[in-house]
C-alpha atoms as a PDB file:
ATOM      1  CA  MET A   1     118.623 105.030  64.221  1.00  0.00           C
ATOM      2  CA  GLN A   2     118.107 106.647  67.581  1.00  0.00           C
ATOM      3  CA  ARG A   3     114.530 106.416  68.784  1.00  0.00           C
ATOM      4  CA  PHE A   4     113.423 108.356  71.825  1.00  0.00           C
ATOM      5  CA  VAL A   5     109.636 108.395  71.730  1.00  0.00           C
ATOM      6  CA  LEU A   6     107.530 109.625  74.618  1.00  0.00           C
ATOM      7  CA  VAL A   7     104.950 107.268  76.015  1.00  0.00           C
ATOM      8  CA  ILE A   8     101.630 109.081  75.826  1.00  0.00           C
ATOM      9  CA  ALA A   9      99.140 106.224  75.919  1.00  0.00           C
ATOM     10  CA  LEU A  10      97.007 106.134  79.026  1.00  0.00           C
ATOM     11  CA  LEU A  11      96.811 102.979  81.065  1.00  0.00           C
ATOM     12  CA  CYS A  12      93.397 101.338  80.849  1.00  0.00           C
ATOM     13  CA  ALA A  13      93.728  98.752  83.613  1.00  0.00           C
ATOM     14  CA  LEU A  14      91.354  99.727  86.375  1.00  0.00           C
ATOM     15  CA  ALA A  15      92.391  99.579  89.987  1.00  0.00           C
ATOM     16  CA  ALA A  16      91.472  96.850  92.444  1.00  0.00           C
ATOM     17  CA  PRO A  17      88.350  97.079  94.596  1.00  0.00           C
ATOM     18  CA  ALA A  18      88.552  98.574  98.064  1.00  0.00           C
ATOM     19  CA  ARG A  19      84.985  99.243  99.276  1.00  0.00           C
ATOM     20  CA  ALA A  20      81.417  98.125  98.770  1.00  0.00           C
ATOM     21  CA  GLY A  21      80.186  99.409  95.454  1.00  0.00           C
ATOM     22  CA  TYR A  22      83.531  99.179  93.718  1.00  0.00           C
ATOM     23  CA  ASP A  23      82.903  95.727  92.297  1.00  0.00           C
ATOM     24  CA  GLU A  24      79.501  96.839  91.030  1.00  0.00           C
ATOM     25  CA  GLY A  25      81.133  99.810  89.329  1.00  0.00           C
ATOM     26  CA  LEU A  26      83.782  97.604  87.764  1.00  0.00           C
ATOM     27  CA  ALA A  27      81.183  95.158  86.464  1.00  0.00           C
ATOM     28  CA  ALA A  28      79.197  98.052  84.987  1.00  0.00           C
ATOM     29  CA  TYR A  29      82.318  99.531  83.377  1.00  0.00           C
ATOM     30  CA  ASN A  30      83.284  96.194  81.857  1.00  0.00           C
ATOM     31  CA  ARG A  31      79.884  95.800  80.220  1.00  0.00           C
ATOM     32  CA  GLY A  32      80.035  99.374  78.881  1.00  0.00           C
ATOM     33  CA  ASP A  33      77.498 100.863  81.284  1.00  0.00           C
ATOM     34  CA  TYR A  34      79.578 103.904  82.147  1.00  0.00           C
ATOM     35  CA  ALA A  35      76.693 105.791  83.766  1.00  0.00           C
ATOM     36  CA  ALA A  36      76.226 102.978  86.292  1.00  0.00           C
ATOM     37  CA  ALA A  37      79.984 102.815  86.905  1.00  0.00           C
ATOM     38  CA  LEU A  38      80.012 106.524  87.662  1.00  0.00           C
ATOM     39  CA  ARG A  39      77.093 106.167  90.065  1.00  0.00           C
ATOM     40  CA  GLU A  40      79.054 103.562  92.011  1.00  0.00           C
ATOM     41  CA  TRP A  41      82.484 105.176  91.860  1.00  0.00           C
ATOM     42  CA  ARG A  42      81.768 108.882  92.314  1.00  0.00           C
ATOM     43  CA  PRO A  43      80.610 108.595  95.955  1.00  0.00           C
ATOM     44  CA  LEU A  44      83.647 106.450  96.746  1.00  0.00           C
ATOM     45  CA  ALA A  45      85.949 108.956  95.032  1.00  0.00           C
ATOM     46  CA  GLU A  46      84.395 111.833  96.950  1.00  0.00           C
ATOM     47  CA  GLN A  47      84.969 109.876 100.176  1.00  0.00           C
ATOM     48  CA  GLY A  48      88.672 109.628  99.328  1.00  0.00           C
ATOM     49  CA  ASN A  49      88.912 106.182  97.723  1.00  0.00           C
ATOM     50  CA  ALA A  50      92.071 106.462  95.614  1.00  0.00           C
ATOM     51  CA  ASP A  51      91.147 103.665  93.191  1.00  0.00           C
ATOM     52  CA  ALA A  52      87.791 105.252  92.420  1.00  0.00           C
ATOM     53  CA  GLN A  53      89.469 108.655  92.044  1.00  0.00           C
ATOM     54  CA  TYR A  54      91.877 107.216  89.483  1.00  0.00           C
ATOM     55  CA  ASN A  55      89.059 105.576  87.545  1.00  0.00           C
ATOM     56  CA  LEU A  56      87.027 108.792  87.472  1.00  0.00           C
ATOM     57  CA  GLY A  57      90.080 110.623  86.156  1.00  0.00           C
ATOM     58  CA  PHE A  58      90.468 107.972  83.484  1.00  0.00           C
ATOM     59  CA  MET A  59      86.817 108.250  82.419  1.00  0.00           C
ATOM     60  CA  TYR A  60      86.989 112.043  82.188  1.00  0.00           C
ATOM     61  CA  HIS A  61      90.236 111.795  80.222  1.00  0.00           C
ATOM     62  CA  TYR A  62      88.583 109.526  77.666  1.00  0.00           C
ATOM     63  CA  GLY A  63      85.055 110.934  77.831  1.00  0.00           C
ATOM     64  CA  GLU A  64      83.541 107.627  78.950  1.00  0.00           C
ATOM     65  CA  GLY A  65      80.051 108.301  80.308  1.00  0.00           C
ATOM     66  CA  VAL A  66      80.910 111.971  80.810  1.00  0.00           C
ATOM     67  CA  PRO A  67      81.967 114.795  78.491  1.00  0.00           C
ATOM     68  CA  GLN A  68      85.701 114.602  77.889  1.00  0.00           C
ATOM     69  CA  ASP A  69      87.249 117.058  80.361  1.00  0.00           C
ATOM     70  CA  ASP A  70      90.991 117.250  80.976  1.00  0.00           C
ATOM     71  CA  ALA A  71      90.532 119.601  83.925  1.00  0.00           C
ATOM     72  CA  GLU A  72      88.332 117.068  85.714  1.00  0.00           C
ATOM     73  CA  ALA A  73      90.694 114.271  84.720  1.00  0.00           C
ATOM     74  CA  ALA A  74      93.645 116.150  86.202  1.00  0.00           C
ATOM     75  CA  LYS A  75      91.693 116.855  89.393  1.00  0.00           C
ATOM     76  CA  TRP A  76      90.869 113.205  90.039  1.00  0.00           C
ATOM     77  CA  TYR A  77      94.268 111.941  88.917  1.00  0.00           C
ATOM     78  CA  ARG A  78      95.961 114.343  91.340  1.00  0.00           C
ATOM     79  CA  LEU A  79      93.834 113.168  94.261  1.00  0.00           C
ATOM     80  CA  ALA A  80      94.708 109.548  93.484  1.00  0.00           C
ATOM     81  CA  ALA A  81      98.352 110.380  92.730  1.00  0.00           C
ATOM     82  CA  GLU A  82      98.801 112.083  96.080  1.00  0.00           C
ATOM     83  CA  GLN A  83      97.611 108.838  97.704  1.00  0.00           C
ATOM     84  CA  GLY A  84     100.280 106.893  95.830  1.00  0.00           C
ATOM     85  CA  VAL A  85      98.418 105.361  92.867  1.00  0.00           C
ATOM     86  CA  ALA A  86     101.234 104.824  90.355  1.00  0.00           C
ATOM     87  CA  SER A  87      98.999 104.896  87.262  1.00  0.00           C
ATOM     88  CA  ALA A  88      97.553 108.236  88.392  1.00  0.00           C
ATOM     89  CA  GLN A  89     101.055 109.601  88.967  1.00  0.00           C
ATOM     90  CA  PHE A  90     102.077 108.459  85.496  1.00  0.00           C
ATOM     91  CA  ASN A  91      99.003 109.981  83.830  1.00  0.00           C
ATOM     92  CA  LEU A  92      99.439 113.247  85.696  1.00  0.00           C
ATOM     93  CA  GLY A  93     103.043 113.297  84.460  1.00  0.00           C
ATOM     94  CA  ILE A  94     101.721 112.861  80.925  1.00  0.00           C
ATOM     95  CA  MET A  95      99.302 115.748  81.378  1.00  0.00           C
ATOM     96  CA  TYR A  96     102.103 118.076  82.526  1.00  0.00           C
ATOM     97  CA  LEU A  97     104.257 116.873  79.662  1.00  0.00           C
ATOM     98  CA  ARG A  98     101.582 117.686  77.092  1.00  0.00           C
ATOM     99  CA  GLY A  99     100.061 120.737  78.796  1.00  0.00           C
ATOM    100  CA  GLU A 100      96.587 119.188  79.023  1.00  0.00           C
ATOM    101  CA  ARG A 101      94.592 121.630  81.206  1.00  0.00           C
ATOM    102  CA  VAL A 102      97.661 122.132  83.328  1.00  0.00           C
ATOM    103  CA  SER A 103     100.574 124.346  82.398  1.00  0.00           C
ATOM    104  CA  GLN A 104     103.178 122.454  80.407  1.00  0.00           C
ATOM    105  CA  ASP A 105     105.888 121.865  82.965  1.00  0.00           C
ATOM    106  CA  TYR A 106     108.616 119.327  82.266  1.00  0.00           C
ATOM    107  CA  ALA A 107     110.032 119.505  85.792  1.00  0.00           C
ATOM    108  CA  GLU A 108     106.611 118.758  87.290  1.00  0.00           C
ATOM    109  CA  SER A 109     106.147 115.995  84.750  1.00  0.00           C
ATOM    110  CA  ALA A 110     109.469 114.459  85.791  1.00  0.00           C
ATOM    111  CA  THR A 111     108.458 114.677  89.452  1.00  0.00           C
ATOM    112  CA  TRP A 112     105.313 112.630  88.876  1.00  0.00           C
ATOM    113  CA  PHE A 113     107.098 110.170  86.577  1.00  0.00           C
ATOM    114  CA  ARG A 114     109.710 109.650  89.296  1.00  0.00           C
ATOM    115  CA  ARG A 115     107.079 108.912  91.927  1.00  0.00           C
ATOM    116  CA  ALA A 116     105.503 106.289  89.663  1.00  0.00           C
ATOM    117  CA  ALA A 117     108.891 104.975  88.535  1.00  0.00           C
ATOM    118  CA  ASP A 118     109.956 104.449  92.140  1.00  0.00           C
ATOM    119  CA  GLN A 119     106.952 102.139  92.464  1.00  0.00           C
ATOM    120  CA  GLY A 120     108.108 100.083  89.476  1.00  0.00           C
ATOM    121  CA  HIS A 121     105.869 101.611  86.778  1.00  0.00           C
ATOM    122  CA  ALA A 122     107.676 100.685  83.547  1.00  0.00           C
ATOM    123  CA  GLY A 123     106.194 103.469  81.420  1.00  0.00           C
ATOM    124  CA  ALA A 124     107.238 106.057  83.994  1.00  0.00           C
ATOM    125  CA  GLN A 125     110.713 104.534  84.227  1.00  0.00           C
ATOM    126  CA  TYR A 126     111.046 104.743  80.458  1.00  0.00           C
ATOM    127  CA  ASN A 127     109.838 108.346  80.293  1.00  0.00           C
ATOM    128  CA  LEU A 128     112.118 109.395  83.127  1.00  0.00           C
ATOM    129  CA  GLY A 129     115.025 107.756  81.328  1.00  0.00           C
ATOM    130  CA  LEU A 130     114.066 109.649  78.208  1.00  0.00           C
ATOM    131  CA  MET A 131     113.958 112.950  80.071  1.00  0.00           C
ATOM    132  CA  TYR A 132     117.466 112.327  81.427  1.00  0.00           C
ATOM    133  CA  ALA A 133     118.679 111.324  77.963  1.00  0.00           C
ATOM    134  CA  ILE A 134     117.567 114.613  76.404  1.00  0.00           C
ATOM    135  CA  GLY A 135     117.827 116.872  79.475  1.00  0.00           C
ATOM    136  CA  GLU A 136     114.172 117.856  79.648  1.00  0.00           C
ATOM    137  CA  GLY A 137     112.783 118.637  83.096  1.00  0.00           C
ATOM    138  CA  VAL A 138     115.953 117.205  84.664  1.00  0.00           C
ATOM    139  CA  PRO A 139     119.672 117.757  84.043  1.00  0.00           C
ATOM    140  CA  GLN A 140     120.940 115.799  81.060  1.00  0.00           C
ATOM    141  CA  ASP A 141     122.553 112.664  82.452  1.00  0.00           C
ATOM    142  CA  ASP A 142     123.292 109.636  80.283  1.00  0.00           C
ATOM    143  CA  ALA A 143     124.101 107.433  83.268  1.00  0.00           C
ATOM    144  CA  GLU A 144     120.708 108.171  84.847  1.00  0.00           C
ATOM    145  CA  ALA A 145     119.033 107.561  81.485  1.00  0.00           C
ATOM    146  CA  VAL A 146     120.665 104.135  81.308  1.00  0.00           C
ATOM    147  CA  ARG A 147     119.590 103.309  84.865  1.00  0.00           C
ATOM    148  CA  TRP A 148     115.923 104.086  84.240  1.00  0.00           C
ATOM    149  CA  PHE A 149     115.852 102.507  80.785  1.00  0.00           C
ATOM    150  CA  ARG A 150     117.312  99.324  82.272  1.00  0.00           C
ATOM    151  CA  LEU A 151     114.635  99.146  84.961  1.00  0.00           C
ATOM    152  CA  ALA A 152     111.933  99.421  82.291  1.00  0.00           C
ATOM    153  CA  ALA A 153     113.733  97.064  79.912  1.00  0.00           C
ATOM    154  CA  VAL A 154     113.946  94.205  82.401  1.00  0.00           C
ATOM    155  CA  GLN A 155     110.154  94.477  82.712  1.00  0.00           C
ATOM    156  CA  GLY A 156     109.900  93.848  78.978  1.00  0.00           C
ATOM    157  CA  TYR A 157     109.362  97.451  77.878  1.00  0.00           C
ATOM    158  CA  ILE A 158     110.231  97.343  74.178  1.00  0.00           C
ATOM    159  CA  ASP A 159     111.292 100.968  73.631  1.00  0.00           C
ATOM    160  CA  ALA A 160     113.563 100.796  76.673  1.00  0.00           C
ATOM    161  CA  GLN A 161     115.135  97.605  75.343  1.00  0.00           C
ATOM    162  CA  TYR A 162     115.717  99.229  71.964  1.00  0.00           C
ATOM    163  CA  ASN A 163     117.175 102.363  73.529  1.00  0.00           C
ATOM    164  CA  LEU A 164     119.561 100.320  75.652  1.00  0.00           C
ATOM    165  CA  GLY A 165     120.717  98.568  72.505  1.00  0.00           C
ATOM    166  CA  PHE A 166     121.324 101.941  70.880  1.00  0.00           C
ATOM    167  CA  ILE A 167     123.113 103.266  73.966  1.00  0.00           C
ATOM    168  CA  TYR A 168     125.492 100.292  74.151  1.00  0.00           C
ATOM    169  CA  GLU A 169     126.093 100.392  70.417  1.00  0.00           C
ATOM    170  CA  ASN A 170     127.033 104.074  70.546  1.00  0.00           C
ATOM    171  CA  GLY A 171     128.537 104.424  74.021  1.00  0.00           C
ATOM    172  CA  ARG A 172     126.194 106.989  75.577  1.00  0.00           C
ATOM    173  CA  GLY A 173     126.808 106.931  79.320  1.00  0.00           C
ATOM    174  CA  VAL A 174     128.404 103.489  79.044  1.00  0.00           C
ATOM    175  CA  ALA A 175     131.361 101.976  77.250  1.00  0.00           C
ATOM    176  CA  VAL A 176     130.605 100.707  73.762  1.00  0.00           C
ATOM    177  CA  ASP A 177     129.636  97.053  74.124  1.00  0.00           C
ATOM    178  CA  LEU A 178     128.299  95.438  70.979  1.00  0.00           C
ATOM    179  CA  ALA A 179     127.494  92.170  72.725  1.00  0.00           C
ATOM    180  CA  GLU A 180     125.303  94.045  75.197  1.00  0.00           C
ATOM    181  CA  ALA A 181     123.804  96.072  72.349  1.00  0.00           C
ATOM    182  CA  ARG A 182     122.874  92.855  70.536  1.00  0.00           C
ATOM    183  CA  ARG A 183     121.362  91.442  73.727  1.00  0.00           C
ATOM    184  CA  TRP A 184     118.966  94.354  74.165  1.00  0.00           C
ATOM    185  CA  TYR A 185     118.185  94.670  70.464  1.00  0.00           C
ATOM    186  CA  GLN A 186     117.405  90.945  70.466  1.00  0.00           C
ATOM    187  CA  ALA A 187     115.068  91.347  73.443  1.00  0.00           C
ATOM    188  CA  ALA A 188     113.122  94.029  71.556  1.00  0.00           C
ATOM    189  CA  ALA A 189     113.250  92.080  68.281  1.00  0.00           C
ATOM    190  CA  ASP A 190     111.834  89.018  70.026  1.00  0.00           C
ATOM    191  CA  GLN A 191     108.784  91.146  70.779  1.00  0.00           C
ATOM    192  CA  GLY A 192     108.439  92.064  67.120  1.00  0.00           C
ATOM    193  CA  ASP A 193     110.222  95.433  67.052  1.00  0.00           C
ATOM    194  CA  ALA A 194     111.180  96.144  63.431  1.00  0.00           C
ATOM    195  CA  ASP A 195     113.862  98.752  64.273  1.00  0.00           C
ATOM    196  CA  ALA A 196     115.576  96.305  66.609  1.00  0.00           C
ATOM    197  CA  LYS A 197     115.557  93.629  63.907  1.00  0.00           C
ATOM    198  CA  ALA A 198     117.136  96.110  61.485  1.00  0.00           C
ATOM    199  CA  ALA A 199     119.772  97.015  64.078  1.00  0.00           C
ATOM    200  CA  LEU A 200     120.680  93.356  64.522  1.00  0.00           C
ATOM    201  CA  GLN A 201     121.099  92.958  60.776  1.00  0.00           C
ATOM    202  CA  ARG A 202     123.303  96.060  60.711  1.00  0.00           C
ATOM    203  CA  LEU A 203     125.511  94.776  63.519  1.00  0.00           C
ATOM    204  CA  GLY A 204     125.800  91.313  62.029  1.00  0.00           C
ATOM    205  CA  PRO A 205     126.688  88.126  63.951  1.00  0.00           C
END
């Protein structure tokens, strides 16, 4: 069965240190002292440190040490995204996709996903492939969908691997190739994907 599911989970890996105070903030965050993390990171973010800006956006998005506030999250994500932080670009794309304190705008979402995808962000590559597959925010283009799914799949992204299996099984943007379909279904199945395992059983040896 076709499965095109949007990635909406936020990335929780915090960015690497860049200035004095960042390490202290990271240590505080890791022990659950969000107030101390904010005290360390906010001045850095206000001084233009992109990593701290991303982390503030993340904390506002989840309400960690501050009231949950999508508007503040979007503000800090945008500042980090404009400096090239791929995770911030991805999360801003998610916010435009879902209309979280920004107007729902699929084209803007695709723009931010593309910027993260061009940096090798697998979740953004998958979502951009999905948008091309269904023609949302970009022109419908099966060949482009395959290209972006493949980039995510080779990084081990399960949904992209499954979707490539489906695409090769059904010939969407590529010639039908059951051997290639099995290869991608197997890659997803090896990671425990139940739908991929069912697809392999359906295709047989």
